[in-house]
C-alpha atoms as a PDB file:
ATOM      1  CA  MET A   1     -20.098  -3.233   3.477  1.00  0.00           C
ATOM      2  CA  SER A   2     -18.009  -4.371   6.414  1.00  0.00           C
ATOM      3  CA  ALA A   3     -18.178  -8.154   8.086  1.00  0.00           C
ATOM      4  CA  SER A   4     -17.012  -7.280  11.244  1.00  0.00           C
ATOM      5  CA  LEU A   5     -18.764  -6.895  14.554  1.00  0.00           C
ATOM      6  CA  LEU A   6     -18.614  -3.536  15.792  1.00  0.00           C
ATOM      7  CA  PRO A   7     -20.904  -1.670  17.942  1.00  0.00           C
ATOM      8  CA  ALA A   8     -23.760  -0.346  15.390  1.00  0.00           C
ATOM      9  CA  PRO A   9     -22.494   3.358  15.799  1.00  0.00           C
ATOM     10  CA  GLU A  10     -18.766   2.629  15.033  1.00  0.00           C
ATOM     11  CA  GLN A  11     -19.864   0.406  12.406  1.00  0.00           C
ATOM     12  CA  LEU A  12     -22.480   2.949  10.585  1.00  0.00           C
ATOM     13  CA  VAL A  13     -18.949   5.230  10.535  1.00  0.00           C
ATOM     14  CA  ILE A  14     -17.131   2.382   8.690  1.00  0.00           C
ATOM     15  CA  ASP A  15     -19.823   1.718   6.216  1.00  0.00           C
ATOM     16  CA  HIS A  16     -20.017   5.843   5.333  1.00  0.00           C
ATOM     17  CA  THR A  17     -16.221   5.831   5.274  1.00  0.00           C
ATOM     18  CA  ALA A  18     -16.364   2.856   2.898  1.00  0.00           C
ATOM     19  CA  GLU A  19     -19.064   4.277   0.309  1.00  0.00           C
ATOM     20  CA  PHE A  20     -17.216   7.858   0.601  1.00  0.00           C
ATOM     21  CA  ILE A  21     -13.836   6.210  -0.137  1.00  0.00           C
ATOM     22  CA  ARG A  22     -15.725   3.916  -3.179  1.00  0.00           C
ATOM     23  CA  GLU A  23     -17.132   6.732  -4.763  1.00  0.00           C
ATOM     24  CA  LYS A  24     -13.768   9.095  -4.606  1.00  0.00           C
ATOM     25  CA  PHE A  25     -11.906   5.860  -5.966  1.00  0.00           C
ATOM     26  CA  LEU A  26     -14.121   4.277  -7.938  1.00  0.00           C
ATOM     27  CA  HIS A  27     -12.345   5.259 -11.589  1.00  0.00           C
ATOM     28  CA  GLU A  28      -8.979   6.230 -10.614  1.00  0.00           C
ATOM     29  CA  GLY A  29      -6.083   4.734 -12.885  1.00  0.00           C
ATOM     30  CA  SER A  30      -3.203   4.432 -11.283  1.00  0.00           C
ATOM     31  CA  GLY A  31      -3.754   1.209  -9.034  1.00  0.00           C
ATOM     32  CA  HIS A  32      -4.448   3.375  -6.150  1.00  0.00           C
ATOM     33  CA  ASP A  33      -8.498   2.458  -7.074  1.00  0.00           C
ATOM     34  CA  TRP A  34     -10.839   1.637  -4.898  1.00  0.00           C
ATOM     35  CA  GLU A  35     -10.412  -2.357  -5.232  1.00  0.00           C
ATOM     36  CA  HIS A  36      -7.010  -1.898  -4.461  1.00  0.00           C
ATOM     37  CA  ILE A  37      -8.663   0.077  -0.620  1.00  0.00           C
ATOM     38  CA  ARG A  38     -10.933  -2.683  -0.596  1.00  0.00           C
ATOM     39  CA  ARG A  39      -8.507  -5.547  -0.702  1.00  0.00           C
ATOM     40  CA  VAL A  40      -6.300  -3.916   1.834  1.00  0.00           C
ATOM     41  CA  TRP A  41      -9.407  -3.529   4.430  1.00  0.00           C
ATOM     42  CA  GLN A  42     -10.384  -7.017   3.974  1.00  0.00           C
ATOM     43  CA  VAL A  43      -7.051  -8.152   4.743  1.00  0.00           C
ATOM     44  CA  ALA A  44      -6.399  -5.823   7.484  1.00  0.00           C
ATOM     45  CA  ARG A  45      -9.862  -6.484   8.968  1.00  0.00           C
ATOM     46  CA  ALA A  46      -8.655 -10.632   8.889  1.00  0.00           C
ATOM     47  CA  LEU A  47      -5.283  -9.514  10.184  1.00  0.00           C
ATOM     48  CA  ALA A  48      -7.100  -7.525  13.380  1.00  0.00           C
ATOM     49  CA  ALA A  49      -9.141 -10.708  14.055  1.00  0.00           C
ATOM     50  CA  GLN A  50      -6.491 -12.666  14.628  1.00  0.00           C
ATOM     51  CA  THR A  51      -4.919  -9.913  16.942  1.00  0.00           C
ATOM     52  CA  PRO A  52      -6.693  -9.165  20.254  1.00  0.00           C
ATOM     53  CA  SER A  53      -4.621  -6.276  20.954  1.00  0.00           C
ATOM     54  CA  ALA A  54      -5.583  -4.185  18.074  1.00  0.00           C
ATOM     55  CA  ASP A  55      -8.415  -1.962  18.019  1.00  0.00           C
ATOM     56  CA  ALA A  56     -10.777  -2.996  15.242  1.00  0.00           C
ATOM     57  CA  LEU A  57     -12.292   0.752  14.251  1.00  0.00           C
ATOM     58  CA  VAL A  58      -8.677   2.142  14.354  1.00  0.00           C
ATOM     59  CA  THR A  59      -7.724  -0.553  12.130  1.00  0.00           C
ATOM     60  CA  GLU A  60     -10.780  -0.409   9.166  1.00  0.00           C
ATOM     61  CA  LEU A  61     -10.827   3.549   9.173  1.00  0.00           C
ATOM     62  CA  ALA A  62      -7.001   3.304   8.963  1.00  0.00           C
ATOM     63  CA  ALA A  63      -7.199   1.049   5.956  1.00  0.00           C
ATOM     64  CA  LEU A  64      -9.828   2.400   4.344  1.00  0.00           C
ATOM     65  CA  LEU A  65      -8.512   6.273   4.578  1.00  0.00           C
ATOM     66  CA  HIS A  66      -4.855   5.125   3.912  1.00  0.00           C
ATOM     67  CA  ASP A  67      -4.333   6.787   0.276  1.00  0.00           C
ATOM     68  CA  VAL A  68      -7.306   9.293   0.956  1.00  0.00           C
ATOM     69  CA  ALA A  69      -4.411  11.711  -0.130  1.00  0.00           C
ATOM     70  CA  ASP A  70      -1.366   9.896  -1.009  1.00  0.00           C
ATOM     71  CA  TRP A  71       1.890  12.018  -0.744  1.00  0.00           C
ATOM     72  CA  LYS A  72       2.661  10.547  -4.767  1.00  0.00           C
ATOM     73  CA  PHE A  73      -0.684  12.570  -6.046  1.00  0.00           C
ATOM     74  CA  HIS A  74      -0.200  15.837  -3.794  1.00  0.00           C
ATOM     75  CA  ASP A  75       3.118  17.118  -4.914  1.00  0.00           C
ATOM     76  CA  GLY A  76       4.989  15.080  -2.033  1.00  0.00           C
ATOM     77  CA  ASP A  77       3.192  16.611   0.209  1.00  0.00           C
ATOM     78  CA  GLU A  78       3.500  14.017   3.610  1.00  0.00           C
ATOM     79  CA  GLU A  79       0.461  16.134   5.814  1.00  0.00           C
ATOM     80  CA  ALA A  80      -1.879  15.533   2.777  1.00  0.00           C
ATOM     81  CA  GLY A  81      -3.173  12.025   3.835  1.00  0.00           C
ATOM     82  CA  PRO A  82      -3.273  13.145   7.851  1.00  0.00           C
ATOM     83  CA  ARG A  83      -5.082  16.429   7.218  1.00  0.00           C
ATOM     84  CA  ALA A  84      -7.669  14.761   4.615  1.00  0.00           C
ATOM     85  CA  ALA A  85      -8.685  11.739   6.951  1.00  0.00           C
ATOM     86  CA  ARG A  86      -8.854  14.472   9.714  1.00  0.00           C
ATOM     87  CA  ARG A  87     -11.459  16.297   7.681  1.00  0.00           C
ATOM     88  CA  TRP A  88     -13.671  13.613   6.898  1.00  0.00           C
ATOM     89  CA  LEU A  89     -13.512  11.455  10.442  1.00  0.00           C
ATOM     90  CA  GLU A  90     -14.679  14.944  12.065  1.00  0.00           C
ATOM     91  CA  SER A  91     -17.358  15.045   9.821  1.00  0.00           C
ATOM     92  CA  GLN A  92     -18.467  12.012  10.976  1.00  0.00           C
ATOM     93  CA  HIS A  93     -18.163  12.864  15.014  1.00  0.00           C
ATOM     94  CA  VAL A  94     -15.407  10.409  15.525  1.00  0.00           C
ATOM     95  CA  ALA A  95     -13.649  10.766  18.850  1.00  0.00           C
ATOM     96  CA  GLU A  96     -10.490  12.657  18.648  1.00  0.00           C
ATOM     97  CA  PRO A  97      -8.331   9.524  20.227  1.00  0.00           C
ATOM     98  CA  VAL A  98      -9.233   7.726  17.048  1.00  0.00           C
ATOM     99  CA  ILE A  99      -8.767  10.110  14.886  1.00  0.00           C
ATOM    100  CA  GLN A 100      -5.354  10.713  16.468  1.00  0.00           C
ATOM    101  CA  ARG A 101      -4.565   6.899  15.741  1.00  0.00           C
ATOM    102  CA  VAL A 102      -5.802   6.971  12.604  1.00  0.00           C
ATOM    103  CA  GLU A 103      -3.261   9.885  11.416  1.00  0.00           C
ATOM    104  CA  ALA A 104      -0.605   8.325  12.621  1.00  0.00           C
ATOM    105  CA  VAL A 105      -0.991   5.178  10.885  1.00  0.00           C
ATOM    106  CA  ILE A 106      -1.458   7.140   7.389  1.00  0.00           C
ATOM    107  CA  ARG A 107       1.784   9.129   8.565  1.00  0.00           C
ATOM    108  CA  GLU A 108       3.923   6.010   8.921  1.00  0.00           C
ATOM    109  CA  ILE A 109       2.746   3.599   6.519  1.00  0.00           C
ATOM    110  CA  SER A 110       4.299   4.703   3.173  1.00  0.00           C
ATOM    111  CA  PHE A 111       7.276   2.891   1.885  1.00  0.00           C
ATOM    112  CA  LYS A 112      10.466   5.832   2.335  1.00  0.00           C
ATOM    113  CA  GLY A 113      13.161   3.914   0.615  1.00  0.00           C
ATOM    114  CA  LEU A 114      14.789   1.020   1.132  1.00  0.00           C
ATOM    115  CA  GLY A 115      17.606   2.522   3.430  1.00  0.00           C
ATOM    116  CA  VAL A 116      15.313   3.957   5.226  1.00  0.00           C
ATOM    117  CA  ALA A 117      14.160   2.329   8.437  1.00  0.00           C
ATOM    118  CA  THR A 118      10.548   3.465   9.473  1.00  0.00           C
ATOM    119  CA  PRO A 119       8.856   1.273  12.513  1.00  0.00           C
ATOM    120  CA  MET A 120       5.128   1.900  12.257  1.00  0.00           C
ATOM    121  CA  SER A 121       4.605   2.673  16.260  1.00  0.00           C
ATOM    122  CA  THR A 122       1.297   1.083  17.070  1.00  0.00           C
ATOM    123  CA  VAL A 123      -0.217  -2.220  16.513  1.00  0.00           C
ATOM    124  CA  GLU A 124      -2.732  -1.067  13.903  1.00  0.00           C
ATOM    125  CA  GLY A 125      -0.466   0.256  11.929  1.00  0.00           C
ATOM    126  CA  GLU A 126       1.320  -2.801  11.713  1.00  0.00           C
ATOM    127  CA  LEU A 127      -1.806  -4.522  10.198  1.00  0.00           C
ATOM    128  CA  VAL A 128      -2.684  -1.918   7.909  1.00  0.00           C
ATOM    129  CA  GLN A 129       0.906  -1.795   6.491  1.00  0.00           C
ATOM    130  CA  ASP A 130       0.975  -5.208   5.997  1.00  0.00           C
ATOM    131  CA  ALA A 131      -2.068  -5.577   4.298  1.00  0.00           C
ATOM    132  CA  ASP A 132      -0.703  -2.399   2.110  1.00  0.00           C
ATOM    133  CA  ARG A 133       2.422  -4.393   1.395  1.00  0.00           C
ATOM    134  CA  LEU A 134       0.561  -7.652   0.532  1.00  0.00           C
ATOM    135  CA  ASP A 135      -1.201  -5.765  -2.320  1.00  0.00           C
ATOM    136  CA  ALA A 136       2.349  -4.549  -3.605  1.00  0.00           C
ATOM    137  CA  ILE A 137       3.438  -7.827  -4.459  1.00  0.00           C
ATOM    138  CA  GLY A 138       2.412 -11.176  -6.232  1.00  0.00           C
ATOM    139  CA  ALA A 139       0.240 -10.735  -9.688  1.00  0.00           C
ATOM    140  CA  ILE A 140      -1.495  -7.827  -8.378  1.00  0.00           C
ATOM    141  CA  GLY A 141       1.731  -6.229  -7.102  1.00  0.00           C
ATOM    142  CA  VAL A 142       2.916  -6.877 -10.846  1.00  0.00           C
ATOM    143  CA  ALA A 143      -0.236  -5.498 -12.370  1.00  0.00           C
ATOM    144  CA  ARG A 144      -0.494  -2.015  -9.960  1.00  0.00           C
ATOM    145  CA  ALA A 145       3.462  -1.400 -10.561  1.00  0.00           C
ATOM    146  CA  PHE A 146       2.934  -1.143 -14.283  1.00  0.00           C
ATOM    147  CA  ALA A 147      -0.631   0.631 -13.953  1.00  0.00           C
ATOM    148  CA  TYR A 148       0.920   3.364 -11.812  1.00  0.00           C
ATOM    149  CA  GLY A 149       4.335   3.537 -14.089  1.00  0.00           C
ATOM    150  CA  GLY A 150       2.595   4.095 -17.202  1.00  0.00           C
ATOM    151  CA  HIS A 151       0.408   6.701 -15.019  1.00  0.00           C
ATOM    152  CA  LYS A 152       3.352   8.712 -14.829  1.00  0.00           C
ATOM    153  CA  GLY A 153       4.929   7.790 -18.379  1.00  0.00           C
ATOM    154  CA  ARG A 154       7.659   6.010 -17.280  1.00  0.00           C
ATOM    155  CA  PRO A 155       9.351   3.568 -19.135  1.00  0.00           C
ATOM    156  CA  LEU A 156       8.662  -0.151 -18.819  1.00  0.00           C
ATOM    157  CA  HIS A 157      12.477  -1.133 -18.590  1.00  0.00           C
ATOM    158  CA  ASP A 158      16.200   0.881 -19.599  1.00  0.00           C
ATOM    159  CA  PRO A 159      19.050  -1.609 -18.594  1.00  0.00           C
ATOM    160  CA  THR A 160      21.263   1.601 -18.649  1.00  0.00           C
ATOM    161  CA  VAL A 161      19.322   3.095 -15.515  1.00  0.00           C
ATOM    162  CA  PRO A 162      20.850   0.648 -12.791  1.00  0.00           C
ATOM    163  CA  PRO A 163      18.391   0.377  -9.292  1.00  0.00           C
ATOM    164  CA  VAL A 164      18.963   3.018  -6.563  1.00  0.00           C
ATOM    165  CA  VAL A 165      19.328   2.111  -2.718  1.00  0.00           C
ATOM    166  CA  HIS A 166      17.191   5.365  -1.345  1.00  0.00           C
ATOM    167  CA  GLU A 167      19.084   6.609   1.653  1.00  0.00           C
ATOM    168  CA  SER A 168      16.254   8.998   2.464  1.00  0.00           C
ATOM    169  CA  PHE A 169      12.834   9.634   1.704  1.00  0.00           C
ATOM    170  CA  GLU A 170      13.111  12.927  -0.138  1.00  0.00           C
ATOM    171  CA  SER A 171      15.893  11.318  -2.736  1.00  0.00           C
ATOM    172  CA  TYR A 172      13.107   8.141  -2.698  1.00  0.00           C
ATOM    173  CA  LYS A 173       9.781  10.936  -3.963  1.00  0.00           C
ATOM    174  CA  ARG A 174      12.235  11.632  -6.557  1.00  0.00           C
ATOM    175  CA  ASN A 175      12.611   8.727  -8.100  1.00  0.00           C
ATOM    176  CA  VAL A 176      11.312   8.789 -11.490  1.00  0.00           C
ATOM    177  CA  ALA A 177      13.286   5.479 -12.752  1.00  0.00           C
ATOM    178  CA  PRO A 178      11.754   2.769 -15.053  1.00  0.00           C
ATOM    179  CA  THR A 179       8.849   0.632 -13.459  1.00  0.00           C
ATOM    180  CA  ILE A 180      11.491  -2.822 -13.556  1.00  0.00           C
ATOM    181  CA  ASN A 181      13.703  -0.521 -10.848  1.00  0.00           C
ATOM    182  CA  HIS A 182      10.703  -0.600  -8.362  1.00  0.00           C
ATOM    183  CA  PHE A 183      10.972  -4.185  -8.133  1.00  0.00           C
ATOM    184  CA  TYR A 184      14.555  -4.148  -7.013  1.00  0.00           C
ATOM    185  CA  GLU A 185      14.047  -0.547  -4.934  1.00  0.00           C
ATOM    186  CA  LYS A 186      10.931  -1.924  -3.268  1.00  0.00           C
ATOM    187  CA  LEU A 187       9.016  -4.766  -3.856  1.00  0.00           C
ATOM    188  CA  LEU A 188      11.275  -7.490  -3.892  1.00  0.00           C
ATOM    189  CA  HIS A 189      12.080  -6.380  -0.178  1.00  0.00           C
ATOM    190  CA  LEU A 190       8.669  -6.201   1.197  1.00  0.00           C
ATOM    191  CA  ARG A 191       8.438  -9.769   2.357  1.00  0.00           C
ATOM    192  CA  GLU A 192      11.151  -9.277   4.912  1.00  0.00           C
ATOM    193  CA  ARG A 193       9.843  -6.264   6.202  1.00  0.00           C
ATOM    194  CA  LEU A 194       6.122  -7.497   7.179  1.00  0.00           C
ATOM    195  CA  ASN A 195       5.391  -7.062  10.749  1.00  0.00           C
ATOM    196  CA  THR A 196       3.058 -10.361  11.436  1.00  0.00           C
ATOM    197  CA  PRO A 197       3.799 -14.121  10.726  1.00  0.00           C
ATOM    198  CA  ALA A 198      -0.102 -14.349   9.171  1.00  0.00           C
ATOM    199  CA  ALA A 199       1.116 -11.562   6.222  1.00  0.00           C
ATOM    200  CA  ARG A 200       4.606 -13.040   5.981  1.00  0.00           C
ATOM    201  CA  ARG A 201       3.507 -16.453   5.179  1.00  0.00           C
ATOM    202  CA  VAL A 202       0.817 -14.862   2.254  1.00  0.00           C
ATOM    203  CA  ALA A 203       4.204 -13.382   0.924  1.00  0.00           C
ATOM    204  CA  GLU A 204       6.077 -16.536   0.378  1.00  0.00           C
ATOM    205  CA  GLU A 205       4.035 -17.346  -2.711  1.00  0.00           C
ATOM    206  CA  ARG A 206       3.844 -13.795  -3.838  1.00  0.00           C
ATOM    207  CA  HIS A 207       7.276 -12.929  -3.413  1.00  0.00           C
ATOM    208  CA  ALA A 208       8.134 -16.335  -5.410  1.00  0.00           C
ATOM    209  CA  PHE A 209       5.540 -14.932  -8.072  1.00  0.00           C
ATOM    210  CA  MET A 210       7.151 -11.698  -9.032  1.00  0.00           C
ATOM    211  CA  GLU A 211      10.895 -13.460  -9.139  1.00  0.00           C
ATOM    212  CA  GLN A 212       9.504 -15.635 -11.691  1.00  0.00           C
ATOM    213  CA  PHE A 213       7.738 -12.829 -13.792  1.00  0.00           C
ATOM    214  CA  LEU A 214      11.213 -10.696 -13.837  1.00  0.00           C
ATOM    215  CA  THR A 215      12.821 -13.837 -14.803  1.00  0.00           C
ATOM    216  CA  GLN A 216      10.641 -14.536 -17.949  1.00  0.00           C
ATOM    217  CA  PHE A 217      10.094 -10.491 -18.332  1.00  0.00           C
ATOM    218  CA  LEU A 218      14.057 -10.128 -18.476  1.00  0.00           C
ATOM    219  CA  ARG A 219      14.377 -13.182 -21.284  1.00  0.00           C
ATOM    220  CA  GLU A 220      11.432 -11.437 -23.407  1.00  0.00           C
ATOM    221  CA  TRP A 221      13.177  -8.065 -22.941  1.00  0.00           C
ATOM    222  CA  ASP A 222      16.491  -9.353 -24.832  1.00  0.00           C
ATOM    223  CA  SER A 223      14.654 -12.238 -26.640  1.00  0.00           C
ATOM    224  CA  GLN A 224      16.299 -15.110 -25.245  1.00  0.00           C
ATOM    225  CA  ASP A 225      13.508 -17.089 -25.055  1.00  0.00           C
ATOM    226  CA  VAL A 226      13.152 -16.618 -29.306  1.00  0.00           C
ATOM    227  CA  ALA A 227      16.842 -17.254 -29.904  1.00  0.00           C
ATOM    228  CA  GLN A 228      16.744 -20.195 -27.501  1.00  0.00           C
ATOM    229  CA  SER A 229      13.657 -22.151 -29.241  1.00  0.00           C
END
């Protein structure tokens, strides 16, 4: 399943992990499904190929496992993901230093609020975070935002509920605002928080698409397009 050039034993771990995650998330409906993870894996692998200092095994495993037990679906438990990743990697007899580095990526990768600075501690983390954030913007990002909002039973939009600058992760985790607010509270700010030049180049077009979408959405929300026709 992978196009990387890792040594055979490491490649086998990647292949087993990809199949494990594919089976686990194939029919997930919130936008955090196998296809999302596959895209993050693909982009992180491509970024790693352009980054000589990146460990390919850590990058690929972290990309594949970054959503294995997301806090959003585990009562806000920030350690659910690292624990689940560790259990899987130990079952595959992965070396302890690799497990620790994958855990660190999963622990650090999440957006924690617009007012919270959370730099990644490793180059592999920067690559996986960029891949994950690219999948949160553009056309796919718009689709995933509304898939998640629907999954959580959130309204599309409520003009009486203003966006919030969350100053703590706890505040961000408690957020139940309409889906449109998510663009102003997170998605429109991801372009400026990317780590690599390659990701920033890709983000330009995707960011512009989101801005265009929001302009059209708000025109239609108030039927301005009808009034002006």
